[in-house]
C-alpha atoms as a PDB file:
ATOM      1  CA  UNK A   1      32.532 -78.493 -21.442  1.00  0.00           C
ATOM      2  CA  UNK A   2      30.796 -80.662 -19.325  1.00  0.00           C
ATOM      3  CA  UNK A   3      33.277 -80.833 -16.965  1.00  0.00           C
ATOM      4  CA  UNK A   4      31.286 -83.318 -14.761  1.00  0.00           C
ATOM      5  CA  UNK A   5      33.119 -87.157 -16.040  1.00  0.00           C
ATOM      6  CA  UNK A   6      29.584 -87.500 -17.429  1.00  0.00           C
ATOM      7  CA  UNK A   7      29.417 -88.207 -21.612  1.00  0.00           C
ATOM      8  CA  UNK A   8      26.048 -86.332 -23.391  1.00  0.00           C
ATOM      9  CA  UNK A   9      23.748 -88.940 -24.278  1.00  0.00           C
ATOM     10  CA  UNK A  10      23.817 -89.771 -28.202  1.00  0.00           C
ATOM     11  CA  UNK A  11      21.090 -91.797 -29.545  1.00  0.00           C
ATOM     12  CA  UNK A  12      22.970 -93.347 -32.100  1.00  0.00           C
ATOM     13  CA  UNK A  13      20.701 -94.585 -35.101  1.00  0.00           C
ATOM     14  CA  UNK A  14      21.052 -96.677 -37.392  1.00  0.00           C
ATOM     15  CA  UNK A  15      21.960 -96.045 -41.098  1.00  0.00           C
ATOM     16  CA  UNK A  16      19.540 -95.845 -43.933  1.00  0.00           C
ATOM     17  CA  UNK A  17      21.887 -95.322 -46.893  1.00  0.00           C
ATOM     18  CA  UNK A  18      24.292 -97.583 -46.879  1.00  0.00           C
ATOM     19  CA  UNK A  19      27.758 -96.891 -48.024  1.00  0.00           C
ATOM     20  CA  UNK A  20      28.583 -98.048 -51.683  1.00  0.00           C
ATOM     21  CA  UNK A  21      31.826-100.842 -51.422  1.00  0.00           C
ATOM     22  CA  UNK A  22      35.003 -98.640 -51.939  1.00  0.00           C
ATOM     23  CA  UNK A  23      35.984 -95.550 -49.945  1.00  0.00           C
ATOM     24  CA  UNK A  24      36.463 -92.509 -51.189  1.00  0.00           C
ATOM     25  CA  UNK A  25      40.616 -91.872 -52.153  1.00  0.00           C
ATOM     26  CA  UNK A  26      41.309 -89.445 -49.350  1.00  0.00           C
ATOM     27  CA  UNK A  27      41.706 -90.340 -45.809  1.00  0.00           C
ATOM     28  CA  UNK A  28      41.936 -86.727 -44.453  1.00  0.00           C
ATOM     29  CA  UNK A  29      43.332 -88.594 -40.678  1.00  0.00           C
ATOM     30  CA  UNK A  30      46.577 -87.676 -40.182  1.00  0.00           C
ATOM     31  CA  UNK A  31      45.851 -84.073 -41.978  1.00  0.00           C
ATOM     32  CA  UNK A  32      46.957 -80.797 -40.465  1.00  0.00           C
ATOM     33  CA  UNK A  33      43.822 -79.104 -39.725  1.00  0.00           C
ATOM     34  CA  UNK A  34      42.200 -82.488 -38.145  1.00  0.00           C
ATOM     35  CA  UNK A  35      45.350 -80.809 -35.137  1.00  0.00           C
ATOM     36  CA  UNK A  36      43.436 -77.647 -35.506  1.00  0.00           C
ATOM     37  CA  UNK A  37      40.259 -78.836 -35.410  1.00  0.00           C
ATOM     38  CA  UNK A  38      40.443 -80.298 -32.076  1.00  0.00           C
ATOM     39  CA  UNK A  39      42.518 -77.908 -30.510  1.00  0.00           C
ATOM     40  CA  UNK A  40      40.180 -74.864 -31.409  1.00  0.00           C
ATOM     41  CA  UNK A  41      37.352 -77.059 -30.480  1.00  0.00           C
ATOM     42  CA  UNK A  42      39.138 -77.020 -26.711  1.00  0.00           C
ATOM     43  CA  UNK A  43      40.376 -73.640 -26.929  1.00  0.00           C
ATOM     44  CA  UNK A  44      39.420 -71.665 -29.404  1.00  0.00           C
ATOM     45  CA  UNK A  45      42.460 -68.631 -28.719  1.00  0.00           C
ATOM     46  CA  UNK A  46      44.518 -70.998 -30.146  1.00  0.00           C
ATOM     47  CA  UNK A  47      42.261 -69.468 -33.433  1.00  0.00           C
ATOM     48  CA  UNK A  48      45.138 -66.646 -33.844  1.00  0.00           C
ATOM     49  CA  UNK A  49      44.965 -63.941 -36.825  1.00  0.00           C
ATOM     50  CA  UNK A  50      48.086 -65.232 -38.577  1.00  0.00           C
ATOM     51  CA  UNK A  51      46.090 -68.725 -38.533  1.00  0.00           C
ATOM     52  CA  UNK A  52      42.578 -67.307 -40.127  1.00  0.00           C
ATOM     53  CA  UNK A  53      44.745 -65.502 -41.961  1.00  0.00           C
ATOM     54  CA  UNK A  54      46.547 -68.432 -43.385  1.00  0.00           C
ATOM     55  CA  UNK A  55      42.644 -71.120 -44.011  1.00  0.00           C
ATOM     56  CA  UNK A  56      41.709 -67.935 -45.666  1.00  0.00           C
ATOM     57  CA  UNK A  57      44.150 -68.003 -48.364  1.00  0.00           C
ATOM     58  CA  UNK A  58      44.932 -71.309 -48.812  1.00  0.00           C
ATOM     59  CA  UNK A  59      41.245 -71.897 -49.526  1.00  0.00           C
ATOM     60  CA  UNK A  60      40.568 -68.881 -51.299  1.00  0.00           C
ATOM     61  CA  UNK A  61      44.145 -70.727 -53.573  1.00  0.00           C
ATOM     62  CA  UNK A  62      41.520 -74.039 -53.180  1.00  0.00           C
ATOM     63  CA  UNK A  63      38.711 -72.579 -53.883  1.00  0.00           C
ATOM     64  CA  UNK A  64      39.067 -73.002 -57.962  1.00  0.00           C
ATOM     65  CA  UNK A  65      39.238 -76.502 -57.908  1.00  0.00           C
ATOM     66  CA  UNK A  66      36.723 -77.423 -55.006  1.00  0.00           C
ATOM     67  CA  UNK A  67      33.854 -79.209 -56.322  1.00  0.00           C
ATOM     68  CA  UNK A  68      37.001 -81.217 -58.061  1.00  0.00           C
ATOM     69  CA  UNK A  69      37.282 -82.347 -54.763  1.00  0.00           C
ATOM     70  CA  UNK A  70      34.076 -82.909 -53.321  1.00  0.00           C
ATOM     71  CA  UNK A  71      31.404 -85.645 -54.609  1.00  0.00           C
ATOM     72  CA  UNK A  72      27.535 -84.357 -54.444  1.00  0.00           C
ATOM     73  CA  UNK A  73      26.804 -87.481 -53.316  1.00  0.00           C
ATOM     74  CA  UNK A  74      28.899 -86.976 -50.067  1.00  0.00           C
ATOM     75  CA  UNK A  75      26.316 -84.592 -49.036  1.00  0.00           C
ATOM     76  CA  UNK A  76      23.044 -86.652 -49.870  1.00  0.00           C
ATOM     77  CA  UNK A  77      22.613 -87.381 -46.241  1.00  0.00           C
ATOM     78  CA  UNK A  78      21.964 -83.812 -44.582  1.00  0.00           C
ATOM     79  CA  UNK A  79      18.069 -84.449 -45.667  1.00  0.00           C
ATOM     80  CA  UNK A  80      18.640 -87.897 -43.551  1.00  0.00           C
ATOM     81  CA  UNK A  81      19.671 -85.616 -40.280  1.00  0.00           C
ATOM     82  CA  UNK A  82      17.393 -83.079 -41.051  1.00  0.00           C
ATOM     83  CA  UNK A  83      14.920 -84.972 -41.312  1.00  0.00           C
ATOM     84  CA  UNK A  84      15.853 -87.367 -38.123  1.00  0.00           C
ATOM     85  CA  UNK A  85      17.253 -84.804 -36.181  1.00  0.00           C
ATOM     86  CA  UNK A  86      13.385 -83.198 -36.262  1.00  0.00           C
ATOM     87  CA  UNK A  87      15.116 -80.031 -37.555  1.00  0.00           C
ATOM     88  CA  UNK A  88      11.804 -77.695 -38.246  1.00  0.00           C
ATOM     89  CA  UNK A  89      11.617 -77.407 -41.079  1.00  0.00           C
ATOM     90  CA  UNK A  90      10.087 -73.173 -39.988  1.00  0.00           C
ATOM     91  CA  UNK A  91      14.047 -72.474 -38.448  1.00  0.00           C
ATOM     92  CA  UNK A  92      16.282 -70.061 -39.387  1.00  0.00           C
ATOM     93  CA  UNK A  93      19.469 -71.889 -39.523  1.00  0.00           C
ATOM     94  CA  UNK A  94      22.948 -70.469 -40.089  1.00  0.00           C
ATOM     95  CA  UNK A  95      25.333 -72.284 -42.126  1.00  0.00           C
ATOM     96  CA  UNK A  96      28.740 -71.498 -41.246  1.00  0.00           C
ATOM     97  CA  UNK A  97      31.658 -72.962 -43.472  1.00  0.00           C
ATOM     98  CA  UNK A  98      29.722 -72.538 -45.732  1.00  0.00           C
ATOM     99  CA  UNK A  99      32.288 -72.801 -48.726  1.00  0.00           C
ATOM    100  CA  UNK A 100      31.254 -73.337 -52.539  1.00  0.00           C
ATOM    101  CA  UNK A 101      27.003 -74.340 -51.756  1.00  0.00           C
ATOM    102  CA  UNK A 102      27.144 -78.237 -52.160  1.00  0.00           C
ATOM    103  CA  UNK A 103      25.845 -78.309 -48.563  1.00  0.00           C
ATOM    104  CA  UNK A 104      22.928 -75.172 -49.165  1.00  0.00           C
ATOM    105  CA  UNK A 105      22.046 -76.482 -51.457  1.00  0.00           C
ATOM    106  CA  UNK A 106      20.202 -78.880 -49.395  1.00  0.00           C
ATOM    107  CA  UNK A 107      19.510 -77.233 -46.631  1.00  0.00           C
ATOM    108  CA  UNK A 108      17.895 -74.073 -48.187  1.00  0.00           C
ATOM    109  CA  UNK A 109      15.455 -77.109 -49.341  1.00  0.00           C
ATOM    110  CA  UNK A 110      15.008 -78.264 -46.068  1.00  0.00           C
ATOM    111  CA  UNK A 111      14.800 -75.127 -43.876  1.00  0.00           C
ATOM    112  CA  UNK A 112      12.486 -71.627 -44.640  1.00  0.00           C
ATOM    113  CA  UNK A 113      15.866 -69.944 -44.354  1.00  0.00           C
ATOM    114  CA  UNK A 114      19.261 -70.299 -44.657  1.00  0.00           C
ATOM    115  CA  UNK A 115      22.174 -67.862 -44.290  1.00  0.00           C
ATOM    116  CA  UNK A 116      25.284 -69.124 -45.956  1.00  0.00           C
ATOM    117  CA  UNK A 117      29.071 -67.916 -44.283  1.00  0.00           C
ATOM    118  CA  UNK A 118      32.404 -68.271 -44.761  1.00  0.00           C
ATOM    119  CA  UNK A 119      35.906 -67.661 -44.600  1.00  0.00           C
ATOM    120  CA  UNK A 120      36.929 -67.189 -48.027  1.00  0.00           C
ATOM    121  CA  UNK A 121      35.971 -64.526 -50.623  1.00  0.00           C
ATOM    122  CA  UNK A 122      37.089 -67.189 -53.143  1.00  0.00           C
ATOM    123  CA  UNK A 123      34.625 -69.485 -52.181  1.00  0.00           C
ATOM    124  CA  UNK A 124      31.474 -67.537 -51.486  1.00  0.00           C
ATOM    125  CA  UNK A 125      32.246 -66.159 -55.117  1.00  0.00           C
ATOM    126  CA  UNK A 126      31.778 -69.943 -56.369  1.00  0.00           C
ATOM    127  CA  UNK A 127      28.610 -70.572 -54.474  1.00  0.00           C
ATOM    128  CA  UNK A 128      24.998 -70.116 -56.182  1.00  0.00           C
ATOM    129  CA  UNK A 129      23.425 -66.425 -55.270  1.00  0.00           C
ATOM    130  CA  UNK A 130      20.406 -67.773 -55.717  1.00  0.00           C
ATOM    131  CA  UNK A 131      19.861 -70.333 -52.873  1.00  0.00           C
ATOM    132  CA  UNK A 132      20.606 -68.804 -49.501  1.00  0.00           C
ATOM    133  CA  UNK A 133      22.826 -65.075 -48.081  1.00  0.00           C
ATOM    134  CA  UNK A 134      25.782 -64.933 -48.745  1.00  0.00           C
ATOM    135  CA  UNK A 135      27.928 -63.732 -45.470  1.00  0.00           C
ATOM    136  CA  UNK A 136      32.294 -63.179 -45.126  1.00  0.00           C
ATOM    137  CA  UNK A 137      33.017 -63.542 -42.126  1.00  0.00           C
ATOM    138  CA  UNK A 138      35.859 -65.775 -39.611  1.00  0.00           C
ATOM    139  CA  UNK A 139      32.844 -68.440 -37.429  1.00  0.00           C
ATOM    140  CA  UNK A 140      35.194 -67.547 -34.749  1.00  0.00           C
ATOM    141  CA  UNK A 141      33.559 -64.436 -34.820  1.00  0.00           C
ATOM    142  CA  UNK A 142      29.554 -64.625 -36.234  1.00  0.00           C
ATOM    143  CA  UNK A 143      28.555 -61.263 -36.878  1.00  0.00           C
ATOM    144  CA  UNK A 144      24.705 -62.705 -35.607  1.00  0.00           C
ATOM    145  CA  UNK A 145      23.023 -61.089 -32.006  1.00  0.00           C
ATOM    146  CA  UNK A 146      22.842 -63.319 -29.471  1.00  0.00           C
ATOM    147  CA  UNK A 147      20.512 -65.918 -29.440  1.00  0.00           C
ATOM    148  CA  UNK A 148      19.653 -65.311 -33.125  1.00  0.00           C
ATOM    149  CA  UNK A 149      19.716 -68.565 -35.349  1.00  0.00           C
ATOM    150  CA  UNK A 150      17.406 -71.443 -34.485  1.00  0.00           C
ATOM    151  CA  UNK A 151      20.482 -73.758 -36.461  1.00  0.00           C
ATOM    152  CA  UNK A 152      24.054 -73.986 -36.915  1.00  0.00           C
ATOM    153  CA  UNK A 153      24.951 -76.144 -39.405  1.00  0.00           C
ATOM    154  CA  UNK A 154      28.543 -77.055 -39.694  1.00  0.00           C
ATOM    155  CA  UNK A 155      29.909 -79.318 -42.779  1.00  0.00           C
ATOM    156  CA  UNK A 156      33.326 -80.157 -42.616  1.00  0.00           C
ATOM    157  CA  UNK A 157      33.946 -77.357 -40.258  1.00  0.00           C
ATOM    158  CA  UNK A 158      35.649 -75.787 -37.510  1.00  0.00           C
ATOM    159  CA  UNK A 159      34.136 -75.645 -34.115  1.00  0.00           C
ATOM    160  CA  UNK A 160      33.793 -72.487 -31.826  1.00  0.00           C
ATOM    161  CA  UNK A 161      32.566 -73.046 -29.281  1.00  0.00           C
ATOM    162  CA  UNK A 162      31.623 -70.654 -27.507  1.00  0.00           C
ATOM    163  CA  UNK A 163      30.574 -68.503 -30.807  1.00  0.00           C
ATOM    164  CA  UNK A 164      27.774 -71.560 -31.978  1.00  0.00           C
ATOM    165  CA  UNK A 165      26.719 -70.970 -28.289  1.00  0.00           C
ATOM    166  CA  UNK A 166      26.589 -67.646 -28.121  1.00  0.00           C
ATOM    167  CA  UNK A 167      24.201 -67.129 -31.323  1.00  0.00           C
ATOM    168  CA  UNK A 168      22.356 -70.549 -30.725  1.00  0.00           C
ATOM    169  CA  UNK A 169      18.759 -69.836 -29.721  1.00  0.00           C
ATOM    170  CA  UNK A 170      17.872 -71.922 -26.288  1.00  0.00           C
ATOM    171  CA  UNK A 171      15.824 -74.363 -28.287  1.00  0.00           C
ATOM    172  CA  UNK A 172      17.972 -74.076 -30.858  1.00  0.00           C
ATOM    173  CA  UNK A 173      20.259 -77.046 -32.459  1.00  0.00           C
ATOM    174  CA  UNK A 174      23.798 -77.624 -33.815  1.00  0.00           C
ATOM    175  CA  UNK A 175      23.661 -79.997 -36.672  1.00  0.00           C
ATOM    176  CA  UNK A 176      27.244 -81.658 -36.848  1.00  0.00           C
ATOM    177  CA  UNK A 177      28.189 -83.532 -40.618  1.00  0.00           C
ATOM    178  CA  UNK A 178      31.611 -84.981 -41.672  1.00  0.00           C
ATOM    179  CA  UNK A 179      30.910 -86.254 -44.961  1.00  0.00           C
ATOM    180  CA  UNK A 180      33.723 -89.066 -45.541  1.00  0.00           C
ATOM    181  CA  UNK A 181      33.174 -89.315 -41.242  1.00  0.00           C
ATOM    182  CA  UNK A 182      36.492 -90.183 -39.513  1.00  0.00           C
ATOM    183  CA  UNK A 183      38.446 -89.903 -42.685  1.00  0.00           C
ATOM    184  CA  UNK A 184      37.109 -85.801 -43.308  1.00  0.00           C
ATOM    185  CA  UNK A 185      40.057 -84.521 -42.663  1.00  0.00           C
ATOM    186  CA  UNK A 186      37.841 -81.644 -40.621  1.00  0.00           C
ATOM    187  CA  UNK A 187      36.745 -83.885 -37.518  1.00  0.00           C
ATOM    188  CA  UNK A 188      35.560 -84.901 -34.350  1.00  0.00           C
ATOM    189  CA  UNK A 189      32.984 -87.677 -32.984  1.00  0.00           C
ATOM    190  CA  UNK A 190      29.490 -86.527 -31.783  1.00  0.00           C
ATOM    191  CA  UNK A 191      30.333 -86.876 -28.326  1.00  0.00           C
ATOM    192  CA  UNK A 192      33.239 -84.072 -28.557  1.00  0.00           C
ATOM    193  CA  UNK A 193      31.516 -81.930 -30.211  1.00  0.00           C
ATOM    194  CA  UNK A 194      28.787 -81.978 -27.509  1.00  0.00           C
ATOM    195  CA  UNK A 195      31.532 -82.339 -24.486  1.00  0.00           C
ATOM    196  CA  UNK A 196      33.039 -79.262 -26.040  1.00  0.00           C
ATOM    197  CA  UNK A 197      29.475 -77.107 -25.886  1.00  0.00           C
ATOM    198  CA  UNK A 198      29.158 -75.345 -23.173  1.00  0.00           C
ATOM    199  CA  UNK A 199      27.354 -76.512 -21.151  1.00  0.00           C
ATOM    200  CA  UNK A 200      25.328 -80.258 -20.887  1.00  0.00           C
ATOM    201  CA  UNK A 201      23.889 -81.010 -24.938  1.00  0.00           C
ATOM    202  CA  UNK A 202      21.920 -84.189 -26.272  1.00  0.00           C
ATOM    203  CA  UNK A 203      21.346 -84.842 -29.099  1.00  0.00           C
ATOM    204  CA  UNK A 204      21.001 -87.561 -31.942  1.00  0.00           C
ATOM    205  CA  UNK A 205      23.645 -89.594 -33.898  1.00  0.00           C
ATOM    206  CA  UNK A 206      24.190 -91.441 -37.235  1.00  0.00           C
ATOM    207  CA  UNK A 207      25.794 -92.398 -40.654  1.00  0.00           C
ATOM    208  CA  UNK A 208      25.076 -91.523 -43.848  1.00  0.00           C
ATOM    209  CA  UNK A 209      26.978 -93.029 -47.189  1.00  0.00           C
ATOM    210  CA  UNK A 210      30.028 -92.084 -45.928  1.00  0.00           C
ATOM    211  CA  UNK A 211      29.612 -89.172 -43.833  1.00  0.00           C
ATOM    212  CA  UNK A 212      29.023 -89.122 -40.185  1.00  0.00           C
ATOM    213  CA  UNK A 213      26.180 -86.570 -38.754  1.00  0.00           C
ATOM    214  CA  UNK A 214      24.837 -85.099 -35.583  1.00  0.00           C
ATOM    215  CA  UNK A 215      21.646 -83.231 -33.874  1.00  0.00           C
ATOM    216  CA  UNK A 216      22.587 -81.790 -30.612  1.00  0.00           C
ATOM    217  CA  UNK A 217      20.018 -80.310 -28.280  1.00  0.00           C
ATOM    218  CA  UNK A 218      21.135 -78.175 -25.175  1.00  0.00           C
ATOM    219  CA  UNK A 219      20.033 -81.104 -22.423  1.00  0.00           C
ATOM    220  CA  UNK A 220      16.868 -79.262 -20.622  1.00  0.00           C
ATOM    221  CA  UNK A 221      16.724 -78.150 -16.686  1.00  0.00           C
ATOM    222  CA  UNK A 222      16.013 -81.024 -14.466  1.00  0.00           C
ATOM    223  CA  UNK A 223      16.813 -83.463 -17.445  1.00  0.00           C
END
């Protein structure tokens, strides 16, 4: 956390993809996983083996019907986030919480290499096999070396701040994307994501359709 009483400098850009009238039915603002999201972002020790097992079982059960729960159009803002967030197409992107690949489609078309990682084997089994290498792992313990990826993408995914910080290269970026914005069960505003990450982070944020997104980078020394 920043711990200095100073908020991150987040530049909020105007939305380029307007939302149509009528929001999707889901409103996850009071969903139980919202509290888990805040707890884990503030204290990764709150993510226990029992919690991980429960979440894994839950998403394995949801996997067969997952495509009926999400709309592909909820993810159309990802190219906007990649472009206006100035994410280099030559980068190596790690998508944590990739699910059945709705977001992976867009990430794989933008980045040179994308790795799709999820805790649920059921979700990964339904993801397109030719989009990206698929890895089953817990986001709280990423099976990658320190400073090994250029971008960590988190789409409707819990934030494990120290693990994201550990695997991200010094000049890397975090892409945080909530498909239904504040209505997404797993949601944090851009400022809270920046505050949860170790050290000082700045970035860019905007909206696209119903989604909110931000791209964050470590603040450079002296500025």
